[in-house]
Amino acid sequence: MRNTVVLFGFRSFTNTNDTWEWDGVWRRRVPGNQPDQRAGASMVWVPTRGASLLFGGLSRFNTVLNDSWEYR
């Protein structure tokens, strides 16, 4: 809807809970309510909801997460 790509979390030396949007320029976003740090989560755009949905991943302790989050 805003012509952006959304990226959440990644793993370098540690997991992160960073949210980034890209529309030709990377911009860090800080939502008021956001998931815990994780890596390996799945994220998909759902046009009917007008939102990106995030599911699962691994916690910073390598615990499998089974939660979902919505980002608008």
C-alpha atoms as a PDB file:
ATOM      1  CA  MET A   1       0.000   0.000   0.000  1.00  0.00           C
ATOM      2  CA  ARG A   2       2.944   2.329   0.690  1.00  0.00           C
ATOM      3  CA  ASN A   3       5.145   0.689  -1.979  1.00  0.00           C
ATOM      4  CA  THR A   4       7.709  -0.456   0.568  1.00  0.00           C
ATOM      5  CA  VAL A   5       9.488  -3.678   1.475  1.00  0.00           C
ATOM      6  CA  VAL A   6       9.402  -4.549   5.189  1.00  0.00           C
ATOM      7  CA  LEU A   7      12.259  -6.368   6.949  1.00  0.00           C
ATOM      8  CA  PHE A   8      12.062  -7.535  10.551  1.00  0.00           C
ATOM      9  CA  GLY A   9      14.888  -8.953  12.630  1.00  0.00           C
ATOM     10  CA  PHE A  10      18.028 -10.666  11.442  1.00  0.00           C
ATOM     11  CA  ARG A  11      20.917 -12.587  12.892  1.00  0.00           C
ATOM     12  CA  SER A  12      24.466 -11.312  12.893  1.00  0.00           C
ATOM     13  CA  PHE A  13      26.192 -11.907  16.206  1.00  0.00           C
ATOM     14  CA  THR A  14      22.837 -11.751  17.985  1.00  0.00           C
ATOM     15  CA  ASN A  15      19.183 -11.723  16.967  1.00  0.00           C
ATOM     16  CA  THR A  16      17.554  -8.323  16.623  1.00  0.00           C
ATOM     17  CA  ASN A  17      14.051  -6.919  16.716  1.00  0.00           C
ATOM     18  CA  ASP A  18      14.722  -4.111  14.251  1.00  0.00           C
ATOM     19  CA  THR A  19      12.000  -3.163  11.775  1.00  0.00           C
ATOM     20  CA  TRP A  20      13.085  -1.591   8.493  1.00  0.00           C
ATOM     21  CA  GLU A  21      11.207  -0.302   5.460  1.00  0.00           C
ATOM     22  CA  TRP A  22      12.766   0.152   2.026  1.00  0.00           C
ATOM     23  CA  ASP A  23      11.356   2.277  -0.787  1.00  0.00           C
ATOM     24  CA  GLY A  24      14.693   2.965  -2.469  1.00  0.00           C
ATOM     25  CA  VAL A  25      16.094   4.190   0.874  1.00  0.00           C
ATOM     26  CA  TRP A  26      16.301   2.122   4.083  1.00  0.00           C
ATOM     27  CA  ARG A  27      14.413   3.606   7.047  1.00  0.00           C
ATOM     28  CA  ARG A  28      14.374   2.131  10.529  1.00  0.00           C
ATOM     29  CA  ARG A  29      10.934   2.017  12.139  1.00  0.00           C
ATOM     30  CA  VAL A  30      10.200   1.666  15.836  1.00  0.00           C
ATOM     31  CA  PRO A  31       6.618   0.418  16.304  1.00  0.00           C
ATOM     32  CA  GLY A  32       5.076   0.970  19.729  1.00  0.00           C
ATOM     33  CA  ASN A  33       4.402  -2.744  20.121  1.00  0.00           C
ATOM     34  CA  GLN A  34       6.891  -5.102  18.503  1.00  0.00           C
ATOM     35  CA  PRO A  35       7.957  -8.751  18.673  1.00  0.00           C
ATOM     36  CA  ASP A  36      10.907  -9.951  20.715  1.00  0.00           C
ATOM     37  CA  GLN A  37      14.294 -10.502  19.105  1.00  0.00           C
ATOM     38  CA  ARG A  38      14.306 -13.390  16.654  1.00  0.00           C
ATOM     39  CA  ALA A  39      15.856 -14.853  13.532  1.00  0.00           C
ATOM     40  CA  GLY A  40      14.430 -17.122  10.857  1.00  0.00           C
ATOM     41  CA  ALA A  41      10.850 -15.839  11.094  1.00  0.00           C
ATOM     42  CA  SER A  42       8.499 -15.913   8.107  1.00  0.00           C
ATOM     43  CA  MET A  43       6.847 -12.737   6.878  1.00  0.00           C
ATOM     44  CA  VAL A  44       4.213 -12.233   4.197  1.00  0.00           C
ATOM     45  CA  TRP A  45       2.142  -9.344   2.803  1.00  0.00           C
ATOM     46  CA  VAL A  46      -1.626  -9.896   3.081  1.00  0.00           C
ATOM     47  CA  PRO A  47      -3.406  -7.419   0.773  1.00  0.00           C
ATOM     48  CA  THR A  48      -6.868  -8.083   2.227  1.00  0.00           C
ATOM     49  CA  ARG A  49      -5.589  -7.020   5.664  1.00  0.00           C
ATOM     50  CA  GLY A  50      -3.354  -4.218   4.366  1.00  0.00           C
ATOM     51  CA  ALA A  51      -0.615  -5.579   6.597  1.00  0.00           C
ATOM     52  CA  SER A  52       2.512  -7.702   6.787  1.00  0.00           C
ATOM     53  CA  LEU A  53       2.199 -10.772   9.012  1.00  0.00           C
ATOM     54  CA  LEU A  54       5.188 -12.215  10.870  1.00  0.00           C
ATOM     55  CA  PHE A  55       5.215 -15.760  12.229  1.00  0.00           C
ATOM     56  CA  GLY A  56       7.620 -17.728  14.412  1.00  0.00           C
ATOM     57  CA  GLY A  57      11.385 -17.826  14.245  1.00  0.00           C
ATOM     58  CA  LEU A  58      14.062 -18.580  16.820  1.00  0.00           C
ATOM     59  CA  SER A  59      14.500 -16.580  20.023  1.00  0.00           C
ATOM     60  CA  ARG A  60      17.872 -15.282  21.162  1.00  0.00           C
ATOM     61  CA  PHE A  61      18.118 -18.513  23.186  1.00  0.00           C
ATOM     62  CA  ASN A  62      17.359 -20.621  20.063  1.00  0.00           C
ATOM     63  CA  THR A  63      13.895 -21.497  21.334  1.00  0.00           C
ATOM     64  CA  VAL A  64      11.332 -22.088  18.586  1.00  0.00           C
ATOM     65  CA  LEU A  65       8.714 -19.308  18.659  1.00  0.00           C
ATOM     66  CA  ASN A  66       5.107 -19.987  17.726  1.00  0.00           C
ATOM     67  CA  ASP A  67       3.602 -16.492  17.706  1.00  0.00           C
ATOM     68  CA  SER A  68       2.351 -14.093  15.064  1.00  0.00           C
ATOM     69  CA  TRP A  69       2.466 -10.305  14.677  1.00  0.00           C
ATOM     70  CA  GLU A  70       0.816  -7.834  12.339  1.00  0.00           C
ATOM     71  CA  TYR A  71       2.601  -4.753  10.979  1.00  0.00           C
ATOM     72  CA  ARG A  72       0.730  -1.960   9.195  1.00  0.00           C
END
